[in-house]
Amino acid sequence: MLSVLEEGPGGLAALRRVPDAQWLSALAVDAVTLSLRAADSLELVWWVDPGVGAVELEDAQYLVGEGPTPEAAARGCPMVVPDLEEESPGRWPILLAHRAGMGSTLRAVAAVPVCVGRALVGVFAAYRRSPGPFLPGVLRTMGAAADAVGRQVARGPLEIPELHRDILHQAAGAVSVREGITTAEAAEFVRARLFTAGRDLIGSAEEILGHADREE
């Protein structure tokens, strides 16, 4: 897997050279995601999620601002959680309660920082439905994959990836214009509204955008 990742052009295209099934089998997991740092947030730019809910759990972490992925980015070190259901409620109280309400079946997660030199540029995360520790060999492979991703990002062409949450940013922009507030304040407003609604992030953001457009 790593040799395929290192071959050819860099950038996000390098991740797509590895077949989805190979990512999952090499790490013995059910889903993997990559988020890259953009301003003061992490943007989900690539994933292998065969319907197990990893994208939704990443969205939940984005909304509430806590969880393995944002903590790995904030602390600059791997976050390994053998069982989210057994995690202390005080560690990520909002996320864990939200996860229970979502009915998520994902139990174990490992989130590893992706760096270019000393600069943290993103987080590579792996999710598993079965609880239990990640084997040392799997964590070494994850670390090597995160290093390889960092090298590919560094040498890749300058590209603006398609953002999974682009509609949310459009909604924040519309709210900013309508309310006369900064885009950062509008983004906080939209995230709070989506979290309170407890619904799908993308669908709810589309509704907010449509409502803002009708009021213009």
N, C-alpha and C. Protein backbone atom coordinates (compact mmCIF):
# COMPACT_ATOMS: atom_id res chain seq x y z
N MET A 1 0.82 -1.20 0.00
CA MET A 1 0.00 0.00 0.00
C MET A 1 0.86 1.26 0.00
N LEU A 2 1.88 1.30 0.86
CA LEU A 2 2.71 2.49 0.97
C LEU A 2 3.50 2.74 -0.30
N SER A 3 3.95 1.66 -0.95
CA SER A 3 4.71 1.84 -2.19
C SER A 3 3.83 2.44 -3.28
N VAL A 4 2.58 2.01 -3.34
CA VAL A 4 1.65 2.56 -4.33
C VAL A 4 1.39 4.03 -4.02
N LEU A 5 1.26 4.35 -2.73
CA LEU A 5 0.99 5.72 -2.31
C LEU A 5 2.12 6.65 -2.70
N GLU A 6 3.36 6.15 -2.64
CA GLU A 6 4.53 6.99 -2.90
C GLU A 6 4.81 7.17 -4.39
N GLU A 7 4.22 6.32 -5.24
CA GLU A 7 4.50 6.39 -6.67
C GLU A 7 3.66 7.47 -7.35
N GLY A 8 4.18 8.00 -8.45
CA GLY A 8 3.39 8.91 -9.27
C GLY A 8 3.24 10.29 -8.67
N PRO A 9 2.32 11.09 -9.26
CA PRO A 9 2.12 12.47 -8.81
C PRO A 9 1.65 12.53 -7.37
N GLY A 10 1.94 13.67 -6.72
CA GLY A 10 1.53 13.85 -5.34
C GLY A 10 0.14 14.43 -5.24
N GLY A 11 -0.17 14.99 -4.08
CA GLY A 11 -1.49 15.55 -3.85
C GLY A 11 -2.49 14.49 -3.45
N LEU A 12 -3.75 14.88 -3.39
CA LEU A 12 -4.80 13.95 -2.96
C LEU A 12 -4.98 12.80 -3.94
N ALA A 13 -4.56 12.99 -5.19
CA ALA A 13 -4.68 11.91 -6.17
C ALA A 13 -3.90 10.68 -5.73
N ALA A 14 -2.84 10.89 -4.93
CA ALA A 14 -2.03 9.77 -4.47
C ALA A 14 -2.86 8.81 -3.62
N LEU A 15 -3.77 9.34 -2.82
CA LEU A 15 -4.59 8.49 -1.96
C LEU A 15 -5.54 7.63 -2.80
N ARG A 16 -5.98 8.18 -3.91
CA ARG A 16 -6.95 7.46 -4.75
C ARG A 16 -6.29 6.35 -5.56
N ARG A 17 -4.95 6.36 -5.62
CA ARG A 17 -4.27 5.27 -6.34
C ARG A 17 -4.37 3.95 -5.58
N VAL A 18 -4.55 4.04 -4.28
CA VAL A 18 -4.69 2.83 -3.46
C VAL A 18 -6.16 2.42 -3.46
N PRO A 19 -6.49 1.19 -3.86
CA PRO A 19 -7.89 0.76 -3.85
C PRO A 19 -8.50 0.87 -2.45
N ASP A 20 -9.78 1.22 -2.41
CA ASP A 20 -10.45 1.39 -1.12
C ASP A 20 -10.30 0.16 -0.23
N ALA A 21 -10.51 -1.02 -0.81
CA ALA A 21 -10.44 -2.25 -0.02
C ALA A 21 -9.05 -2.46 0.57
N GLN A 22 -8.02 -1.98 -0.13
CA GLN A 22 -6.65 -2.16 0.37
C GLN A 22 -6.40 -1.28 1.59
N TRP A 23 -6.94 -0.07 1.59
CA TRP A 23 -6.82 0.78 2.77
C TRP A 23 -7.40 0.07 3.99
N LEU A 24 -8.60 -0.47 3.83
CA LEU A 24 -9.29 -1.08 4.96
C LEU A 24 -8.61 -2.36 5.43
N SER A 25 -8.16 -3.18 4.49
CA SER A 25 -7.53 -4.44 4.88
C SER A 25 -6.15 -4.22 5.50
N ALA A 26 -5.39 -3.25 4.98
CA ALA A 26 -4.05 -3.00 5.51
C ALA A 26 -4.10 -2.52 6.95
N LEU A 27 -5.17 -1.78 7.30
CA LEU A 27 -5.28 -1.24 8.66
C LEU A 27 -6.26 -2.02 9.53
N ALA A 28 -6.90 -3.04 8.95
CA ALA A 28 -7.87 -3.86 9.67
C ALA A 28 -8.96 -2.99 10.31
N VAL A 29 -9.52 -2.07 9.51
CA VAL A 29 -10.55 -1.16 10.00
C VAL A 29 -11.73 -1.14 9.03
N ASP A 30 -12.77 -0.40 9.41
CA ASP A 30 -13.97 -0.32 8.59
C ASP A 30 -14.09 0.96 7.79
N ALA A 31 -13.28 1.97 8.14
CA ALA A 31 -13.33 3.25 7.42
C ALA A 31 -12.09 4.06 7.74
N VAL A 32 -11.69 4.91 6.80
CA VAL A 32 -10.59 5.85 7.02
C VAL A 32 -10.98 7.21 6.47
N THR A 33 -10.45 8.26 7.07
CA THR A 33 -10.75 9.62 6.63
C THR A 33 -9.49 10.47 6.68
N LEU A 34 -9.48 11.53 5.87
CA LEU A 34 -8.40 12.51 5.92
C LEU A 34 -9.02 13.90 5.97
N SER A 35 -8.64 14.65 6.99
CA SER A 35 -9.06 16.05 7.11
C SER A 35 -7.81 16.92 7.03
N LEU A 36 -7.90 18.01 6.28
CA LEU A 36 -6.79 18.95 6.16
C LEU A 36 -7.15 20.25 6.86
N ARG A 37 -6.15 20.87 7.44
CA ARG A 37 -6.36 22.12 8.17
C ARG A 37 -6.62 23.26 7.19
N ALA A 38 -7.66 24.03 7.48
CA ALA A 38 -8.01 25.20 6.68
C ALA A 38 -8.40 26.30 7.65
N ALA A 39 -7.56 27.34 7.73
CA ALA A 39 -7.79 28.43 8.69
C ALA A 39 -7.88 27.84 10.09
N ASP A 40 -9.03 27.99 10.75
CA ASP A 40 -9.14 27.52 12.14
C ASP A 40 -9.97 26.25 12.26
N SER A 41 -10.12 25.52 11.16
CA SER A 41 -10.93 24.30 11.21
C SER A 41 -10.27 23.19 10.42
N LEU A 42 -10.83 22.00 10.53
CA LEU A 42 -10.38 20.85 9.75
C LEU A 42 -11.45 20.53 8.72
N GLU A 43 -11.04 20.39 7.47
CA GLU A 43 -11.98 20.11 6.39
C GLU A 43 -11.79 18.67 5.91
N LEU A 44 -12.87 17.93 5.89
CA LEU A 44 -12.84 16.55 5.40
C LEU A 44 -12.69 16.57 3.88
N VAL A 45 -11.59 16.00 3.37
CA VAL A 45 -11.31 16.09 1.94
C VAL A 45 -11.25 14.73 1.25
N TRP A 46 -11.15 13.65 2.02
CA TRP A 46 -11.06 12.30 1.41
C TRP A 46 -11.48 11.28 2.45
N TRP A 47 -12.11 10.21 1.98
CA TRP A 47 -12.51 9.16 2.91
C TRP A 47 -12.80 7.86 2.16
N VAL A 48 -12.70 6.77 2.90
CA VAL A 48 -13.19 5.47 2.47
C VAL A 48 -14.17 5.04 3.54
N ASP A 49 -15.44 5.12 3.23
CA ASP A 49 -16.49 4.84 4.21
C ASP A 49 -17.62 4.08 3.51
N PRO A 50 -17.57 2.76 3.56
CA PRO A 50 -18.61 1.96 2.89
C PRO A 50 -19.91 1.90 3.69
N GLY A 51 -20.43 3.08 4.03
CA GLY A 51 -21.72 3.15 4.70
C GLY A 51 -21.71 2.81 6.17
N VAL A 52 -20.57 2.98 6.86
CA VAL A 52 -20.52 2.64 8.28
C VAL A 52 -20.66 3.86 9.19
N GLY A 53 -20.72 5.06 8.61
CA GLY A 53 -20.98 6.25 9.41
C GLY A 53 -19.76 7.05 9.85
N ALA A 54 -18.59 6.80 9.25
CA ALA A 54 -17.40 7.56 9.64
C ALA A 54 -17.52 9.03 9.24
N VAL A 55 -18.07 9.28 8.06
CA VAL A 55 -18.24 10.67 7.62
C VAL A 55 -19.16 11.42 8.57
N GLU A 56 -20.25 10.77 8.98
CA GLU A 56 -21.18 11.40 9.91
C GLU A 56 -20.52 11.67 11.26
N LEU A 57 -19.65 10.76 11.72
CA LEU A 57 -18.97 10.98 13.00
C LEU A 57 -17.93 12.09 12.88
N GLU A 58 -17.28 12.19 11.72
CA GLU A 58 -16.37 13.32 11.49
C GLU A 58 -17.15 14.63 11.47
N ASP A 59 -18.33 14.63 10.84
CA ASP A 59 -19.16 15.83 10.82
C ASP A 59 -19.58 16.23 12.24
N ALA A 60 -19.90 15.23 13.06
CA ALA A 60 -20.30 15.51 14.45
C ALA A 60 -19.16 16.17 15.21
N GLN A 61 -17.93 15.69 15.00
CA GLN A 61 -16.77 16.29 15.67
C GLN A 61 -16.56 17.73 15.19
N TYR A 62 -16.79 17.95 13.91
CA TYR A 62 -16.67 19.30 13.36
C TYR A 62 -17.70 20.24 13.99
N LEU A 63 -18.92 19.75 14.15
CA LEU A 63 -19.99 20.58 14.70
C LEU A 63 -19.73 20.96 16.15
N VAL A 64 -19.32 19.99 16.97
CA VAL A 64 -19.20 20.25 18.41
C VAL A 64 -17.79 20.68 18.82
N GLY A 65 -16.82 20.53 17.91
CA GLY A 65 -15.47 21.00 18.20
C GLY A 65 -14.69 20.15 19.17
N GLU A 66 -15.07 18.88 19.32
CA GLU A 66 -14.32 17.99 20.19
C GLU A 66 -14.38 16.56 19.66
N GLY A 67 -13.42 15.75 20.10
CA GLY A 67 -13.35 14.38 19.63
C GLY A 67 -11.93 14.01 19.25
N PRO A 68 -11.70 12.77 18.84
CA PRO A 68 -10.34 12.32 18.53
C PRO A 68 -9.67 13.13 17.42
N THR A 69 -10.39 13.44 16.35
CA THR A 69 -9.77 14.16 15.23
C THR A 69 -9.36 15.58 15.63
N PRO A 70 -10.26 16.42 16.18
CA PRO A 70 -9.82 17.75 16.58
C PRO A 70 -8.78 17.74 17.70
N GLU A 71 -8.83 16.74 18.59
CA GLU A 71 -7.83 16.69 19.66
C GLU A 71 -6.46 16.31 19.12
N ALA A 72 -6.42 15.40 18.14
CA ALA A 72 -5.14 15.04 17.52
C ALA A 72 -4.53 16.26 16.85
N ALA A 73 -5.38 17.10 16.23
CA ALA A 73 -4.89 18.32 15.58
C ALA A 73 -4.41 19.33 16.61
N ALA A 74 -5.16 19.48 17.70
CA ALA A 74 -4.82 20.48 18.71
C ALA A 74 -3.56 20.11 19.49
N ARG A 75 -3.39 18.82 19.78
CA ARG A 75 -2.27 18.38 20.60
C ARG A 75 -1.06 17.93 19.78
N GLY A 76 -1.29 17.66 18.49
CA GLY A 76 -0.19 17.25 17.63
C GLY A 76 0.35 15.87 17.93
N CYS A 77 -0.51 14.99 18.45
CA CYS A 77 -0.09 13.63 18.74
C CYS A 77 -1.27 12.69 18.49
N PRO A 78 -0.99 11.39 18.29
CA PRO A 78 -2.08 10.45 18.00
C PRO A 78 -3.07 10.33 19.15
N MET A 79 -4.33 10.16 18.78
CA MET A 79 -5.40 9.88 19.74
C MET A 79 -5.95 8.49 19.42
N VAL A 80 -5.80 7.56 20.35
CA VAL A 80 -6.25 6.18 20.13
C VAL A 80 -7.30 5.85 21.18
N VAL A 81 -8.49 5.49 20.71
CA VAL A 81 -9.61 5.20 21.61
C VAL A 81 -10.09 3.78 21.32
N PRO A 82 -9.84 2.83 22.22
CA PRO A 82 -10.26 1.44 21.98
C PRO A 82 -11.77 1.25 21.94
N ASP A 83 -12.50 2.09 22.70
CA ASP A 83 -13.96 1.92 22.72
C ASP A 83 -14.61 3.24 23.11
N LEU A 84 -15.28 3.86 22.16
CA LEU A 84 -15.95 5.14 22.43
C LEU A 84 -17.05 4.99 23.47
N GLU A 85 -17.66 3.81 23.53
CA GLU A 85 -18.75 3.62 24.50
C GLU A 85 -18.23 3.52 25.93
N GLU A 86 -16.96 3.18 26.08
CA GLU A 86 -16.36 3.07 27.41
C GLU A 86 -15.52 4.29 27.77
N GLU A 87 -15.45 5.26 26.86
CA GLU A 87 -14.65 6.46 27.12
C GLU A 87 -15.29 7.29 28.22
N SER A 88 -14.46 7.94 29.03
CA SER A 88 -14.96 8.78 30.12
C SER A 88 -15.87 9.88 29.56
N PRO A 89 -17.09 10.02 30.10
CA PRO A 89 -18.00 11.06 29.60
C PRO A 89 -17.44 12.47 29.71
N GLY A 90 -16.50 12.65 30.64
CA GLY A 90 -15.94 13.98 30.83
C GLY A 90 -14.93 14.39 29.78
N ARG A 91 -14.45 13.44 28.98
CA ARG A 91 -13.42 13.77 27.99
C ARG A 91 -14.01 14.56 26.83
N TRP A 92 -15.05 14.02 26.22
CA TRP A 92 -15.73 14.68 25.10
C TRP A 92 -17.24 14.60 25.37
N PRO A 93 -17.74 15.30 26.36
CA PRO A 93 -19.13 15.10 26.80
C PRO A 93 -20.17 15.36 25.71
N ILE A 94 -19.96 16.41 24.92
CA ILE A 94 -20.97 16.74 23.90
C ILE A 94 -20.93 15.71 22.78
N LEU A 95 -19.73 15.38 22.32
CA LEU A 95 -19.61 14.42 21.22
C LEU A 95 -20.16 13.05 21.61
N LEU A 96 -19.79 12.56 22.79
CA LEU A 96 -20.21 11.22 23.18
C LEU A 96 -21.72 11.13 23.33
N ALA A 97 -22.33 12.20 23.86
CA ALA A 97 -23.79 12.21 23.97
C ALA A 97 -24.42 12.28 22.58
N HIS A 98 -23.82 13.09 21.71
CA HIS A 98 -24.33 13.23 20.34
C HIS A 98 -24.19 11.92 19.58
N ARG A 99 -23.05 11.24 19.78
CA ARG A 99 -22.82 9.96 19.11
C ARG A 99 -23.88 8.94 19.51
N ALA A 100 -24.22 8.91 20.80
CA ALA A 100 -25.25 7.97 21.26
C ALA A 100 -26.59 8.28 20.60
N GLY A 101 -26.89 9.57 20.47
CA GLY A 101 -28.14 9.96 19.82
C GLY A 101 -28.16 9.63 18.34
N MET A 102 -26.98 9.62 17.71
CA MET A 102 -26.88 9.27 16.29
C MET A 102 -27.09 7.78 16.05
N GLY A 103 -26.88 6.99 17.10
CA GLY A 103 -26.94 5.54 16.92
C GLY A 103 -25.73 5.00 16.19
N SER A 104 -24.58 5.67 16.33
CA SER A 104 -23.37 5.24 15.63
C SER A 104 -22.92 3.87 16.11
N THR A 105 -22.51 3.02 15.17
CA THR A 105 -22.02 1.69 15.51
C THR A 105 -20.49 1.64 15.55
N LEU A 106 -19.83 2.76 15.29
CA LEU A 106 -18.37 2.79 15.32
C LEU A 106 -17.91 2.87 16.77
N ARG A 107 -16.98 2.00 17.13
CA ARG A 107 -16.57 1.91 18.53
C ARG A 107 -15.12 2.37 18.76
N ALA A 108 -14.20 1.93 17.89
CA ALA A 108 -12.78 2.25 18.09
C ALA A 108 -12.32 3.24 17.03
N VAL A 109 -11.41 4.13 17.43
CA VAL A 109 -10.89 5.12 16.49
C VAL A 109 -9.44 5.44 16.83
N ALA A 110 -8.65 5.65 15.79
CA ALA A 110 -7.28 6.13 15.94
C ALA A 110 -7.12 7.32 15.00
N ALA A 111 -6.69 8.45 15.54
CA ALA A 111 -6.51 9.67 14.75
C ALA A 111 -5.05 10.10 14.85
N VAL A 112 -4.39 10.21 13.70
CA VAL A 112 -2.95 10.47 13.66
C VAL A 112 -2.68 11.78 12.92
N PRO A 113 -1.90 12.69 13.51
CA PRO A 113 -1.59 13.94 12.81
C PRO A 113 -0.83 13.70 11.51
N VAL A 114 -1.11 14.53 10.52
CA VAL A 114 -0.38 14.54 9.25
C VAL A 114 0.44 15.82 9.22
N CYS A 115 1.74 15.69 9.03
CA CYS A 115 2.62 16.86 9.09
C CYS A 115 3.43 17.01 7.82
N VAL A 116 3.74 18.26 7.51
CA VAL A 116 4.71 18.59 6.47
C VAL A 116 5.83 19.32 7.19
N GLY A 117 6.96 18.64 7.33
CA GLY A 117 8.01 19.17 8.19
C GLY A 117 7.50 19.18 9.62
N ARG A 118 7.57 20.35 10.25
CA ARG A 118 7.05 20.47 11.62
C ARG A 118 5.63 21.02 11.66
N ALA A 119 5.10 21.34 10.51
CA ALA A 119 3.77 21.95 10.46
C ALA A 119 2.69 20.89 10.35
N LEU A 120 1.73 20.93 11.25
CA LEU A 120 0.61 20.01 11.19
C LEU A 120 -0.38 20.51 10.13
N VAL A 121 -0.67 19.66 9.16
CA VAL A 121 -1.54 20.07 8.06
C VAL A 121 -2.86 19.31 8.04
N GLY A 122 -2.99 18.27 8.86
CA GLY A 122 -4.24 17.52 8.84
C GLY A 122 -4.22 16.36 9.81
N VAL A 123 -5.26 15.53 9.70
CA VAL A 123 -5.40 14.35 10.57
C VAL A 123 -5.91 13.18 9.73
N PHE A 124 -5.24 12.06 9.87
CA PHE A 124 -5.63 10.81 9.22
C PHE A 124 -6.27 9.94 10.29
N ALA A 125 -7.51 9.52 10.08
CA ALA A 125 -8.24 8.77 11.11
C ALA A 125 -8.74 7.44 10.57
N ALA A 126 -8.77 6.45 11.44
CA ALA A 126 -9.28 5.12 11.09
C ALA A 126 -10.34 4.72 12.11
N TYR A 127 -11.42 4.13 11.62
CA TYR A 127 -12.55 3.75 12.47
C TYR A 127 -12.84 2.26 12.35
N ARG A 128 -13.28 1.70 13.48
CA ARG A 128 -13.60 0.27 13.50
C ARG A 128 -14.89 0.05 14.29
N ARG A 129 -15.71 -0.86 13.82
CA ARG A 129 -16.96 -1.15 14.53
C ARG A 129 -16.74 -2.05 15.74
N SER A 130 -15.70 -2.85 15.72
CA SER A 130 -15.44 -3.73 16.86
C SER A 130 -14.57 -2.99 17.88
N PRO A 131 -14.92 -3.06 19.17
CA PRO A 131 -14.10 -2.40 20.19
C PRO A 131 -12.82 -3.18 20.45
N GLY A 132 -11.86 -2.51 21.07
CA GLY A 132 -10.61 -3.17 21.42
C GLY A 132 -9.42 -2.35 20.96
N PRO A 133 -8.25 -2.65 21.51
CA PRO A 133 -7.05 -1.87 21.17
C PRO A 133 -6.63 -2.08 19.72
N PHE A 134 -5.94 -1.09 19.18
CA PHE A 134 -5.31 -1.23 17.87
C PHE A 134 -3.97 -1.92 18.06
N LEU A 135 -3.71 -2.93 17.26
CA LEU A 135 -2.44 -3.65 17.37
C LEU A 135 -1.28 -2.72 17.05
N PRO A 136 -0.12 -2.93 17.69
CA PRO A 136 1.04 -2.07 17.43
C PRO A 136 1.40 -1.99 15.95
N GLY A 137 1.29 -3.11 15.24
CA GLY A 137 1.61 -3.11 13.82
C GLY A 137 0.68 -2.22 13.02
N VAL A 138 -0.60 -2.21 13.40
CA VAL A 138 -1.57 -1.35 12.72
C VAL A 138 -1.26 0.12 12.97
N LEU A 139 -0.91 0.45 14.21
CA LEU A 139 -0.58 1.84 14.53
C LEU A 139 0.69 2.29 13.81
N ARG A 140 1.65 1.37 13.67
CA ARG A 140 2.86 1.72 12.91
C ARG A 140 2.52 1.98 11.45
N THR A 141 1.65 1.14 10.89
CA THR A 141 1.24 1.34 9.49
C THR A 141 0.49 2.65 9.34
N MET A 142 -0.37 2.96 10.31
CA MET A 142 -1.09 4.24 10.27
C MET A 142 -0.12 5.42 10.31
N GLY A 143 0.87 5.33 11.19
CA GLY A 143 1.86 6.41 11.28
C GLY A 143 2.64 6.56 9.99
N ALA A 144 3.03 5.42 9.40
CA ALA A 144 3.77 5.47 8.13
C ALA A 144 2.89 6.03 7.02
N ALA A 145 1.60 5.65 7.02
CA ALA A 145 0.68 6.18 6.01
C ALA A 145 0.49 7.68 6.18
N ALA A 146 0.37 8.15 7.43
CA ALA A 146 0.22 9.58 7.68
C ALA A 146 1.46 10.34 7.22
N ASP A 147 2.64 9.77 7.45
CA ASP A 147 3.88 10.41 6.98
C ASP A 147 3.90 10.48 5.45
N ALA A 148 3.48 9.38 4.81
CA ALA A 148 3.46 9.35 3.35
C ALA A 148 2.45 10.36 2.79
N VAL A 149 1.30 10.47 3.46
CA VAL A 149 0.30 11.45 3.02
C VAL A 149 0.87 12.86 3.14
N GLY A 150 1.58 13.14 4.23
CA GLY A 150 2.20 14.45 4.39
C GLY A 150 3.18 14.76 3.27
N ARG A 151 3.98 13.76 2.89
CA ARG A 151 4.93 13.98 1.79
C ARG A 151 4.20 14.22 0.48
N GLN A 152 3.11 13.49 0.26
CA GLN A 152 2.36 13.66 -0.98
C GLN A 152 1.69 15.03 -1.04
N VAL A 153 1.16 15.48 0.09
CA VAL A 153 0.56 16.82 0.14
C VAL A 153 1.61 17.88 -0.16
N ALA A 154 2.82 17.68 0.39
CA ALA A 154 3.89 18.67 0.21
C ALA A 154 4.35 18.75 -1.24
N ARG A 155 4.42 17.62 -1.93
CA ARG A 155 4.95 17.66 -3.29
C ARG A 155 3.87 17.63 -4.36
N GLY A 156 2.63 17.66 -3.93
CA GLY A 156 1.54 17.62 -4.89
C GLY A 156 1.30 18.96 -5.55
N PRO A 157 0.54 18.96 -6.63
CA PRO A 157 0.20 20.22 -7.29
C PRO A 157 -0.69 21.06 -6.40
N LEU A 158 -0.61 22.38 -6.56
CA LEU A 158 -1.49 23.27 -5.80
C LEU A 158 -2.92 23.00 -6.24
N GLU A 159 -3.73 22.51 -5.33
CA GLU A 159 -5.10 22.16 -5.70
C GLU A 159 -6.06 22.56 -4.60
N ILE A 160 -7.26 22.90 -5.00
CA ILE A 160 -8.32 23.19 -4.04
C ILE A 160 -9.26 21.99 -4.05
N PRO A 161 -9.19 21.15 -3.02
CA PRO A 161 -10.01 19.94 -3.04
C PRO A 161 -11.49 20.27 -2.92
N GLU A 162 -12.30 19.37 -3.45
CA GLU A 162 -13.75 19.51 -3.27
C GLU A 162 -14.06 19.30 -1.79
N LEU A 163 -14.72 20.28 -1.19
CA LEU A 163 -14.98 20.22 0.24
C LEU A 163 -16.31 19.53 0.51
N HIS A 164 -16.27 18.53 1.36
CA HIS A 164 -17.47 17.82 1.75
C HIS A 164 -18.50 18.77 2.35
N ARG A 165 -18.02 19.77 3.10
CA ARG A 165 -18.92 20.69 3.80
C ARG A 165 -19.06 22.03 3.08
N ASP A 166 -18.86 22.05 1.78
CA ASP A 166 -18.92 23.31 1.03
C ASP A 166 -20.27 24.00 1.22
N ILE A 167 -21.36 23.23 1.24
CA ILE A 167 -22.69 23.83 1.37
C ILE A 167 -22.83 24.54 2.72
N LEU A 168 -22.15 24.03 3.75
CA LEU A 168 -22.20 24.68 5.06
C LEU A 168 -21.53 26.05 4.99
N HIS A 169 -20.41 26.13 4.28
CA HIS A 169 -19.72 27.42 4.16
C HIS A 169 -20.55 28.41 3.33
N GLN A 170 -21.26 27.89 2.33
CA GLN A 170 -22.15 28.76 1.57
C GLN A 170 -23.26 29.30 2.46
N ALA A 171 -23.81 28.43 3.32
CA ALA A 171 -24.86 28.86 4.23
C ALA A 171 -24.35 29.92 5.19
N ALA A 172 -23.13 29.73 5.70
CA ALA A 172 -22.54 30.72 6.61
C ALA A 172 -22.35 32.05 5.90
N GLY A 173 -21.93 32.01 4.65
CA GLY A 173 -21.75 33.24 3.89
C GLY A 173 -23.07 33.98 3.70
N ALA A 174 -24.13 33.23 3.42
CA ALA A 174 -25.45 33.85 3.23
C ALA A 174 -25.95 34.46 4.54
N VAL A 175 -25.75 33.76 5.66
CA VAL A 175 -26.17 34.28 6.96
C VAL A 175 -25.36 35.53 7.31
N SER A 176 -24.07 35.52 6.98
CA SER A 176 -23.21 36.67 7.25
C SER A 176 -23.74 37.92 6.56
N VAL A 177 -24.13 37.78 5.30
CA VAL A 177 -24.66 38.92 4.54
C VAL A 177 -26.00 39.36 5.10
N ARG A 178 -26.86 38.40 5.40
CA ARG A 178 -28.21 38.72 5.88
C ARG A 178 -28.19 39.41 7.23
N GLU A 179 -27.34 38.93 8.14
CA GLU A 179 -27.33 39.44 9.51
C GLU A 179 -26.31 40.55 9.74
N GLY A 180 -25.43 40.78 8.76
CA GLY A 180 -24.40 41.81 8.93
C GLY A 180 -23.37 41.45 9.97
N ILE A 181 -23.00 40.16 10.03
CA ILE A 181 -22.01 39.70 10.99
C ILE A 181 -20.83 39.11 10.23
N THR A 182 -19.74 38.83 10.95
CA THR A 182 -18.56 38.27 10.28
C THR A 182 -18.84 36.84 9.86
N THR A 183 -18.04 36.35 8.91
CA THR A 183 -18.22 34.97 8.46
C THR A 183 -17.93 33.98 9.59
N ALA A 184 -16.97 34.33 10.46
CA ALA A 184 -16.66 33.45 11.59
C ALA A 184 -17.86 33.35 12.53
N GLU A 185 -18.50 34.49 12.81
CA GLU A 185 -19.70 34.49 13.67
C GLU A 185 -20.83 33.73 13.00
N ALA A 186 -20.97 33.91 11.68
CA ALA A 186 -22.02 33.21 10.96
C ALA A 186 -21.79 31.70 10.96
N ALA A 187 -20.53 31.29 10.83
CA ALA A 187 -20.21 29.87 10.85
C ALA A 187 -20.56 29.26 12.21
N GLU A 188 -20.27 29.99 13.30
CA GLU A 188 -20.62 29.51 14.63
C GLU A 188 -22.14 29.39 14.77
N PHE A 189 -22.86 30.37 14.24
CA PHE A 189 -24.32 30.35 14.29
C PHE A 189 -24.87 29.13 13.55
N VAL A 190 -24.34 28.88 12.35
CA VAL A 190 -24.83 27.76 11.54
C VAL A 190 -24.52 26.44 12.23
N ARG A 191 -23.29 26.29 12.76
CA ARG A 191 -22.93 25.04 13.43
C ARG A 191 -23.82 24.79 14.65
N ALA A 192 -24.08 25.86 15.41
CA ALA A 192 -24.94 25.72 16.60
C ALA A 192 -26.35 25.31 16.19
N ARG A 193 -26.85 25.91 15.12
CA ARG A 193 -28.20 25.59 14.67
C ARG A 193 -28.29 24.14 14.18
N LEU A 194 -27.28 23.70 13.46
CA LEU A 194 -27.28 22.33 12.96
C LEU A 194 -27.19 21.33 14.11
N PHE A 195 -26.35 21.64 15.11
CA PHE A 195 -26.22 20.73 16.24
C PHE A 195 -27.53 20.65 17.02
N THR A 196 -28.18 21.81 17.23
CA THR A 196 -29.44 21.83 17.97
C THR A 196 -30.52 21.04 17.24
N ALA A 197 -30.51 21.13 15.91
CA ALA A 197 -31.51 20.41 15.12
C ALA A 197 -31.30 18.91 15.19
N GLY A 198 -30.03 18.49 15.41
CA GLY A 198 -29.73 17.07 15.51
C GLY A 198 -30.00 16.31 14.24
N ARG A 199 -29.82 16.99 13.10
CA ARG A 199 -30.11 16.36 11.82
C ARG A 199 -28.85 16.27 10.97
N ASP A 200 -29.01 15.67 9.80
CA ASP A 200 -27.92 15.54 8.84
C ASP A 200 -27.32 16.90 8.53
N LEU A 201 -25.99 16.99 8.62
CA LEU A 201 -25.31 18.27 8.44
C LEU A 201 -25.55 18.86 7.06
N ILE A 202 -25.36 18.07 6.02
CA ILE A 202 -25.45 18.59 4.66
C ILE A 202 -26.88 19.00 4.32
N GLY A 203 -27.84 18.13 4.61
CA GLY A 203 -29.23 18.46 4.31
C GLY A 203 -29.72 19.69 5.06
N SER A 204 -29.35 19.80 6.33
CA SER A 204 -29.78 20.95 7.13
C SER A 204 -29.11 22.24 6.64
N ALA A 205 -27.84 22.16 6.24
CA ALA A 205 -27.15 23.34 5.71
C ALA A 205 -27.81 23.81 4.42
N GLU A 206 -28.26 22.87 3.60
CA GLU A 206 -28.96 23.24 2.36
C GLU A 206 -30.26 23.98 2.68
N GLU A 207 -30.96 23.56 3.74
CA GLU A 207 -32.19 24.24 4.13
C GLU A 207 -31.90 25.66 4.61
N ILE A 208 -30.84 25.83 5.41
CA ILE A 208 -30.47 27.16 5.89
C ILE A 208 -30.12 28.07 4.72
N LEU A 209 -29.35 27.53 3.76
CA LEU A 209 -28.97 28.33 2.60
C LEU A 209 -30.20 28.72 1.79
N GLY A 210 -31.12 27.78 1.60
CA GLY A 210 -32.33 28.08 0.86
C GLY A 210 -33.18 29.13 1.55
N HIS A 211 -33.26 29.05 2.88
CA HIS A 211 -34.03 30.03 3.65
C HIS A 211 -33.41 31.41 3.55
N ALA A 212 -32.07 31.47 3.63
CA ALA A 212 -31.38 32.76 3.53
C ALA A 212 -31.57 33.37 2.15
N ASP A 213 -31.52 32.52 1.11
CA ASP A 213 -31.71 33.02 -0.25
C ASP A 213 -33.11 33.59 -0.45
N ARG A 214 -34.12 32.94 0.15
CA ARG A 214 -35.49 33.42 -0.01
C ARG A 214 -35.72 34.75 0.68
N GLU A 215 -34.93 35.03 1.74
CA GLU A 215 -35.11 36.27 2.48
C GLU A 215 -34.41 37.45 1.83
N GLU A 216 -33.52 37.17 0.87
CA GLU A 216 -32.79 38.27 0.22
C GLU A 216 -33.72 39.07 -0.71
